[in-house]
Amino acid sequence: MHYLRLRRTTCDGDPSVTKWRSLRLRHLLLLLPLVFIGLAEAWAQPTSTDFERFRTRIDEAVRSLGNDQRLKRIPPDRREQLAEFVSGNMLFVLLHELGHAAIGQLDLPVLGKEEDAADSFASLTLIHIKSEFSEQVLAWAAKGWFMADRRDKKEGEPVVYYDEHGLNQVRAFQIVCYMVGADPVRFKDLAEETKLPKDRQESCGQDYRKAAKSWGVVLQPHVRTADQPKTKIDAVYGDAKGKYEIAAQIARSIRLLDGAAAQSSELVVWPAPFSLEMQTCGFINAKWDQSTRKLTLCYELAEDFAELYRDYGIPRRESRARKSR
């Protein structure tokens, strides 16, 4: 399953924004069986403090790249904002595709669109980490879809109502709705910022509870016990050249995929080995391929998130403010 409908544009963006992959998933992935079935004592789980360290790792990675010629023209604080947006969205994509992997590998029932189910998998996983940064990651994912909607309108992208994916704004609002449903007080400001109507906010609790219960029920039979063997899950970092080379180097040094592979093997009984890979794909996307049992994150997708933030995020508003002086 692809993460998004392929855009008509090519991947020829500014190479100075291609290298933020500053997330290690070791001690991160709270796969939903433990979250919803009450098995927190079964294995040592990552805490919100563990997840907060990712922000520090992102900042450290950005500072380490400060002398790169392609980054010098971007102010340090802007680099950190951009890195957090890209990293957060790439993390959401990885969890989304792991949702597809669980559905395909474990032959889980899906009532409705599988893309919606994968979004709920990613959303609820991040909500239940309960750290400030995991919540920010989820907010960035929602805002990324709002930005993508503005970009598509500006570039004249057609609205494909029949696509397997939901419309950008629909996906964005559903993420916000899950957050509000989980904690209407904590996420009140986000609901107001995104203009989620009051009557919809009131029904979000039901959305959240049903999604959490559903994932718990279907995943419970596949939770691994201590005496069951672990499934082999490979983490593979493909080669990259040119504007993607730095992104590939950072992904390897941070070991982005390794933690997800380790935790997935630890927590779930999978019917067959599979792999998590980062590759130069030739297009902007990420996907789970059931036939090859391979989850692929494209280096091009990280660059696309960087371009999206550069053109439609906070930096653009700051640029307008400077011009008005």
Protein backbone atom coordinates (compact mmCIF):
# COMPACT_ATOMS: atom_id res chain seq x y z
CA MET A 1 0.00 0.00 0.00
CA HIS A 2 1.33 3.42 -0.88
CA TYR A 3 1.31 6.15 1.74
CA LEU A 4 -0.08 8.77 -0.64
CA ARG A 5 -1.36 9.30 -4.15
CA LEU A 6 1.66 9.87 -6.38
CA ARG A 7 2.08 13.52 -7.24
CA ARG A 8 2.76 14.65 -10.78
CA THR A 9 5.69 16.79 -9.73
CA THR A 10 9.27 15.51 -9.81
CA CYS A 11 11.78 15.36 -6.98
CA ASP A 12 14.03 18.25 -7.99
CA GLY A 13 13.88 20.31 -4.80
CA ASP A 14 16.63 22.17 -3.00
CA PRO A 15 19.24 19.59 -1.90
CA SER A 16 19.97 21.61 1.24
CA VAL A 17 16.83 20.22 2.85
CA THR A 18 17.24 16.51 2.18
CA LYS A 19 19.00 15.17 5.19
CA TRP A 20 16.89 15.18 8.30
CA ARG A 21 16.22 11.62 9.31
CA SER A 22 17.20 12.18 12.95
CA LEU A 23 15.06 9.51 14.59
CA ARG A 24 16.18 6.28 16.24
CA LEU A 25 13.32 3.96 16.97
CA ARG A 26 15.20 1.86 19.49
CA HIS A 27 13.03 1.78 22.62
CA LEU A 28 10.33 3.71 20.76
CA LEU A 29 7.75 1.65 18.97
CA LEU A 30 4.82 1.05 21.31
CA LEU A 31 3.02 -1.38 19.05
CA LEU A 32 -0.63 -1.42 19.89
CA PRO A 33 -0.91 -4.86 21.53
CA LEU A 34 0.81 -3.60 24.67
CA VAL A 35 -0.98 -0.29 24.65
CA PHE A 36 -4.53 -1.51 24.41
CA ILE A 37 -4.51 -4.97 25.96
CA GLY A 38 -2.94 -3.98 29.26
CA LEU A 39 0.25 -6.00 28.86
CA ALA A 40 2.57 -3.19 29.85
CA GLU A 41 4.28 -5.38 32.43
CA ALA A 42 5.16 -8.09 29.93
CA TRP A 43 8.16 -6.32 28.44
CA ALA A 44 10.21 -3.26 29.28
CA GLN A 45 8.61 -0.46 27.32
CA PRO A 46 9.93 2.92 26.23
CA THR A 47 8.76 5.80 28.34
CA SER A 48 7.78 9.33 27.42
CA THR A 49 11.25 10.35 28.63
CA ASP A 50 12.79 7.99 26.09
CA PHE A 51 10.77 9.58 23.34
CA GLU A 52 11.69 13.10 24.45
CA ARG A 53 15.32 12.20 23.77
CA PHE A 54 14.49 12.07 20.08
CA ARG A 55 14.11 15.83 20.08
CA THR A 56 17.61 16.10 21.51
CA ARG A 57 18.96 13.70 18.88
CA ILE A 58 17.34 15.74 16.13
CA ASP A 59 18.93 18.93 17.45
CA GLU A 60 22.31 17.23 17.76
CA ALA A 61 22.09 15.93 14.20
CA VAL A 62 21.21 19.37 12.89
CA ARG A 63 24.11 20.98 14.74
CA SER A 64 26.51 18.35 13.44
CA LEU A 65 25.53 19.31 9.90
CA GLY A 66 25.91 23.01 10.50
CA ASN A 67 29.14 23.27 8.52
CA ASP A 68 27.69 21.63 5.44
CA GLN A 69 27.71 24.15 2.60
CA ARG A 70 24.14 23.28 1.68
CA LEU A 71 22.90 24.22 5.17
CA LYS A 72 24.80 27.38 5.97
CA ARG A 73 22.21 29.63 4.37
CA ILE A 74 19.48 28.30 6.70
CA PRO A 75 19.46 29.86 10.24
CA PRO A 76 20.05 27.33 13.06
CA ASP A 77 16.59 27.71 14.61
CA ARG A 78 14.98 27.26 11.20
CA ARG A 79 17.00 24.09 10.62
CA GLU A 80 15.72 22.64 13.90
CA GLN A 81 12.08 23.47 13.05
CA LEU A 82 12.45 21.95 9.63
CA ALA A 83 14.18 18.86 11.00
CA GLU A 84 11.45 18.24 13.56
CA PHE A 85 8.72 18.59 10.94
CA VAL A 86 10.43 16.21 8.51
CA SER A 87 11.40 13.71 11.20
CA GLY A 88 7.93 13.76 12.72
CA ASN A 89 6.22 13.15 9.41
CA MET A 90 8.65 10.37 8.47
CA LEU A 91 7.94 8.70 11.80
CA PHE A 92 4.19 8.89 11.19
CA VAL A 93 4.69 7.38 7.74
CA LEU A 94 6.73 4.52 9.17
CA LEU A 95 4.01 3.74 11.71
CA HIS A 96 1.33 4.04 9.01
CA GLU A 97 3.12 1.48 6.85
CA LEU A 98 3.67 -0.80 9.83
CA GLY A 99 -0.10 -0.70 10.20
CA HIS A 100 -0.37 -1.99 6.63
CA ALA A 101 2.22 -4.65 7.42
CA ALA A 102 0.22 -5.83 10.43
CA ILE A 103 -2.99 -5.98 8.40
CA GLY A 104 -1.34 -7.90 5.56
CA GLN A 105 0.95 -10.21 7.50
CA LEU A 106 -1.51 -11.05 10.27
CA ASP A 107 -4.52 -11.22 7.95
CA LEU A 108 -6.45 -8.76 10.10
CA PRO A 109 -10.03 -7.82 9.23
CA VAL A 110 -10.60 -4.23 8.12
CA LEU A 111 -14.06 -2.71 8.15
CA GLY A 112 -13.73 0.27 5.85
CA LYS A 113 -10.71 1.63 3.98
CA GLU A 114 -7.35 0.13 4.85
CA GLU A 115 -5.64 3.50 4.47
CA ASP A 116 -7.87 4.89 7.22
CA ALA A 117 -7.02 1.93 9.43
CA ALA A 118 -3.30 2.49 8.91
CA ASP A 119 -3.68 6.16 9.82
CA SER A 120 -5.48 5.18 13.02
CA PHE A 121 -2.71 2.69 13.86
CA ALA A 122 -0.08 5.43 13.58
CA SER A 123 -2.20 8.03 15.38
CA LEU A 124 -3.15 5.88 18.35
CA THR A 125 0.39 4.56 18.78
CA LEU A 126 1.75 8.10 19.07
CA ILE A 127 -1.09 9.24 21.33
CA HIS A 128 -0.36 6.46 23.82
CA ILE A 129 3.32 7.27 24.10
CA LYS A 130 2.12 10.33 26.04
CA SER A 131 5.14 12.56 25.67
CA GLU A 132 5.23 16.17 24.63
CA PHE A 133 7.28 15.35 21.57
CA SER A 134 5.16 12.38 20.43
CA GLU A 135 2.14 14.69 20.58
CA GLN A 136 4.02 17.30 18.57
CA VAL A 137 4.93 14.64 16.01
CA LEU A 138 1.25 13.84 15.57
CA ALA A 139 0.33 17.52 15.31
CA TRP A 140 3.01 17.95 12.63
CA ALA A 141 1.55 15.01 10.73
CA ALA A 142 -1.89 16.61 10.74
CA LYS A 143 -0.51 19.99 9.74
CA GLY A 144 1.49 18.31 6.99
CA TRP A 145 -1.76 17.16 5.40
CA PHE A 146 -3.21 20.67 5.67
CA MET A 147 -0.08 22.04 3.98
CA ALA A 148 -0.29 19.39 1.27
CA ASP A 149 -3.88 20.41 0.61
CA ARG A 150 -2.86 24.06 0.15
CA ARG A 151 -0.03 23.02 -2.16
CA ASP A 152 -2.27 20.82 -4.28
CA LYS A 153 -4.77 23.65 -4.70
CA LYS A 154 -2.04 26.11 -5.66
CA GLU A 155 -0.50 23.69 -8.17
CA GLY A 156 -3.85 22.73 -9.65
CA GLU A 157 -3.70 19.08 -8.59
CA PRO A 158 -7.06 17.43 -9.33
CA VAL A 159 -9.18 16.25 -6.41
CA VAL A 160 -9.40 12.47 -6.86
CA TYR A 161 -12.51 11.52 -4.95
CA TYR A 162 -12.26 7.86 -5.93
CA ASP A 163 -8.70 7.32 -4.64
CA GLU A 164 -8.02 4.65 -2.02
CA HIS A 165 -6.64 7.40 0.22
CA GLY A 166 -8.82 9.96 1.94
CA LEU A 167 -8.61 13.60 0.94
CA ASN A 168 -5.78 15.55 2.57
CA GLN A 169 -8.01 17.61 4.84
CA VAL A 170 -10.03 14.56 5.84
CA ARG A 171 -6.88 12.74 6.94
CA ALA A 172 -5.65 15.82 8.79
CA PHE A 173 -8.89 16.37 10.68
CA GLN A 174 -9.17 12.69 11.61
CA ILE A 175 -5.73 12.80 13.25
CA VAL A 176 -6.81 15.86 15.22
CA CYS A 177 -10.07 14.12 16.11
CA TYR A 178 -8.28 11.10 17.56
CA MET A 179 -6.16 13.42 19.68
CA VAL A 180 -9.17 15.39 20.90
CA GLY A 181 -11.04 12.16 21.53
CA ALA A 182 -8.20 10.89 23.70
CA ASP A 183 -7.92 14.12 25.71
CA PRO A 184 -10.25 17.02 24.83
CA VAL A 185 -8.65 19.32 27.38
CA ARG A 186 -5.02 18.68 26.45
CA PHE A 187 -5.67 19.09 22.72
CA LYS A 188 -8.20 21.90 22.90
CA ASP A 189 -5.76 24.44 21.47
CA LEU A 190 -4.94 22.19 18.50
CA ALA A 191 -8.65 21.72 17.79
CA GLU A 192 -9.14 25.48 17.81
CA GLU A 193 -6.04 26.12 15.70
CA THR A 194 -7.22 23.68 13.03
CA LYS A 195 -10.83 24.92 13.32
CA LEU A 196 -12.33 21.54 14.16
CA PRO A 197 -16.01 22.38 14.86
CA LYS A 198 -17.30 22.02 18.41
CA ASP A 199 -19.96 19.47 17.50
CA ARG A 200 -17.34 17.29 15.80
CA GLN A 201 -15.05 17.58 18.82
CA GLU A 202 -17.85 16.16 20.95
CA SER A 203 -18.09 13.02 18.79
CA CYS A 204 -14.33 12.43 18.60
CA GLY A 205 -14.27 10.50 21.86
CA GLN A 206 -16.37 7.79 20.27
CA ASP A 207 -14.04 7.65 17.24
CA TYR A 208 -11.03 7.26 19.50
CA ARG A 209 -12.55 4.60 21.77
CA LYS A 210 -13.81 2.49 18.89
CA ALA A 211 -10.47 2.61 17.08
CA ALA A 212 -8.56 1.68 20.24
CA LYS A 213 -10.88 -1.20 21.05
CA SER A 214 -10.83 -2.51 17.49
CA TRP A 215 -7.05 -2.59 17.23
CA GLY A 216 -6.79 -4.25 20.63
CA VAL A 217 -9.22 -7.01 19.69
CA VAL A 218 -7.59 -7.91 16.37
CA LEU A 219 -4.02 -7.75 17.64
CA GLN A 220 -4.48 -9.63 20.89
CA PRO A 221 -4.06 -13.14 19.39
CA HIS A 222 -0.71 -12.14 17.87
CA VAL A 223 1.07 -10.84 20.97
CA ARG A 224 4.34 -12.75 21.44
CA THR A 225 4.95 -14.55 24.71
CA ALA A 226 8.40 -14.98 26.20
CA ASP A 227 8.70 -18.60 25.08
CA GLN A 228 7.87 -17.92 21.43
CA PRO A 229 10.69 -17.34 18.90
CA LYS A 230 11.21 -13.90 17.45
CA THR A 231 10.61 -13.28 13.77
CA LYS A 232 13.57 -12.13 11.70
CA ILE A 233 12.96 -8.54 10.56
CA ASP A 234 15.78 -6.96 8.56
CA ALA A 235 16.63 -3.27 8.51
CA VAL A 236 18.19 -2.27 5.18
CA TYR A 237 19.58 1.12 4.12
CA GLY A 238 19.95 1.43 0.38
CA ASP A 239 22.55 3.48 -1.43
CA ALA A 240 21.83 7.06 -2.39
CA LYS A 241 23.62 9.56 -4.57
CA GLY A 242 23.59 13.27 -5.11
CA LYS A 243 21.03 15.20 -3.13
CA TYR A 244 19.90 12.08 -1.24
CA GLU A 245 23.35 11.01 -0.06
CA ILE A 246 23.33 12.94 3.22
CA ALA A 247 19.86 11.64 4.05
CA ALA A 248 21.08 8.09 3.59
CA GLN A 249 24.18 8.69 5.70
CA ILE A 250 22.16 10.08 8.58
CA ALA A 251 19.59 7.29 8.40
CA ARG A 252 22.38 4.75 8.77
CA SER A 253 24.11 6.59 11.61
CA ILE A 254 20.87 7.10 13.52
CA ARG A 255 19.75 3.53 12.74
CA LEU A 256 16.23 4.71 12.05
CA LEU A 257 14.84 1.32 11.05
CA ASP A 258 16.68 -0.92 13.50
CA GLY A 259 14.61 -0.08 16.56
CA ALA A 260 11.33 -0.59 14.72
CA ALA A 261 12.55 -3.97 13.50
CA ALA A 262 13.69 -5.03 16.97
CA GLN A 263 10.50 -3.95 18.74
CA SER A 264 8.24 -5.45 16.08
CA SER A 265 10.07 -8.77 16.44
CA GLU A 266 9.90 -8.56 20.22
CA LEU A 267 6.23 -7.79 20.58
CA VAL A 268 4.41 -9.63 17.79
CA VAL A 269 4.33 -13.17 16.40
CA TRP A 270 4.64 -12.65 12.66
CA PRO A 271 3.93 -15.49 10.22
CA ALA A 272 7.00 -14.80 8.10
CA PRO A 273 10.15 -12.67 8.07
CA PHE A 274 10.01 -9.25 6.42
CA SER A 275 12.19 -6.19 5.96
CA LEU A 276 12.15 -2.46 6.59
CA GLU A 277 14.10 -0.54 3.96
CA MET A 278 15.08 2.98 3.01
CA GLN A 279 15.75 3.41 -0.68
CA THR A 280 16.03 5.87 -3.53
CA CYS A 281 12.77 5.05 -5.27
CA GLY A 282 12.58 7.49 -8.18
CA PHE A 283 9.30 8.85 -6.81
CA ILE A 284 7.91 10.42 -3.64
CA ASN A 285 6.29 7.78 -1.46
CA ALA A 286 6.48 4.96 1.04
CA LYS A 287 4.80 1.58 0.82
CA TRP A 288 4.26 -1.86 2.26
CA ASP A 289 4.41 -4.60 -0.38
CA GLN A 290 2.70 -7.76 0.78
CA SER A 291 4.04 -9.84 -2.13
CA THR A 292 7.67 -9.15 -1.22
CA ARG A 293 7.04 -8.52 2.49
CA LYS A 294 8.99 -5.30 2.27
CA LEU A 295 8.27 -1.91 3.87
CA THR A 296 10.03 0.85 1.95
CA LEU A 297 10.56 4.48 2.93
CA CYS A 298 11.78 6.57 0.00
CA TYR A 299 14.50 9.14 0.52
CA GLU A 300 12.52 11.35 -1.85
CA LEU A 301 9.67 11.52 0.65
CA ALA A 302 11.82 13.20 3.29
CA GLU A 303 12.87 15.84 0.78
CA ASP A 304 9.25 16.38 -0.19
CA PHE A 305 8.31 17.00 3.44
CA ALA A 306 11.17 19.50 3.70
CA GLU A 307 9.99 21.35 0.60
CA LEU A 308 6.44 21.33 1.90
CA TYR A 309 7.47 22.92 5.18
CA ARG A 310 9.75 25.42 3.49
CA ASP A 311 6.99 26.59 1.15
CA TYR A 312 3.87 26.32 3.33
CA GLY A 313 5.02 26.18 6.93
CA ILE A 314 6.28 28.67 9.49
CA PRO A 315 9.29 29.93 7.48
CA ARG A 316 7.03 31.30 4.76
CA ARG A 317 5.00 33.31 7.29
CA GLU A 318 8.18 34.65 8.88
CA SER A 319 9.42 35.69 5.44
CA ARG A 320 6.24 37.69 4.82
CA ALA A 321 6.62 39.39 8.20
CA ARG A 322 10.14 40.55 7.32
CA LYS A 323 8.95 42.04 4.04
CA SER A 324 6.31 44.12 5.82
CA ARG A 325 8.80 45.99 7.95
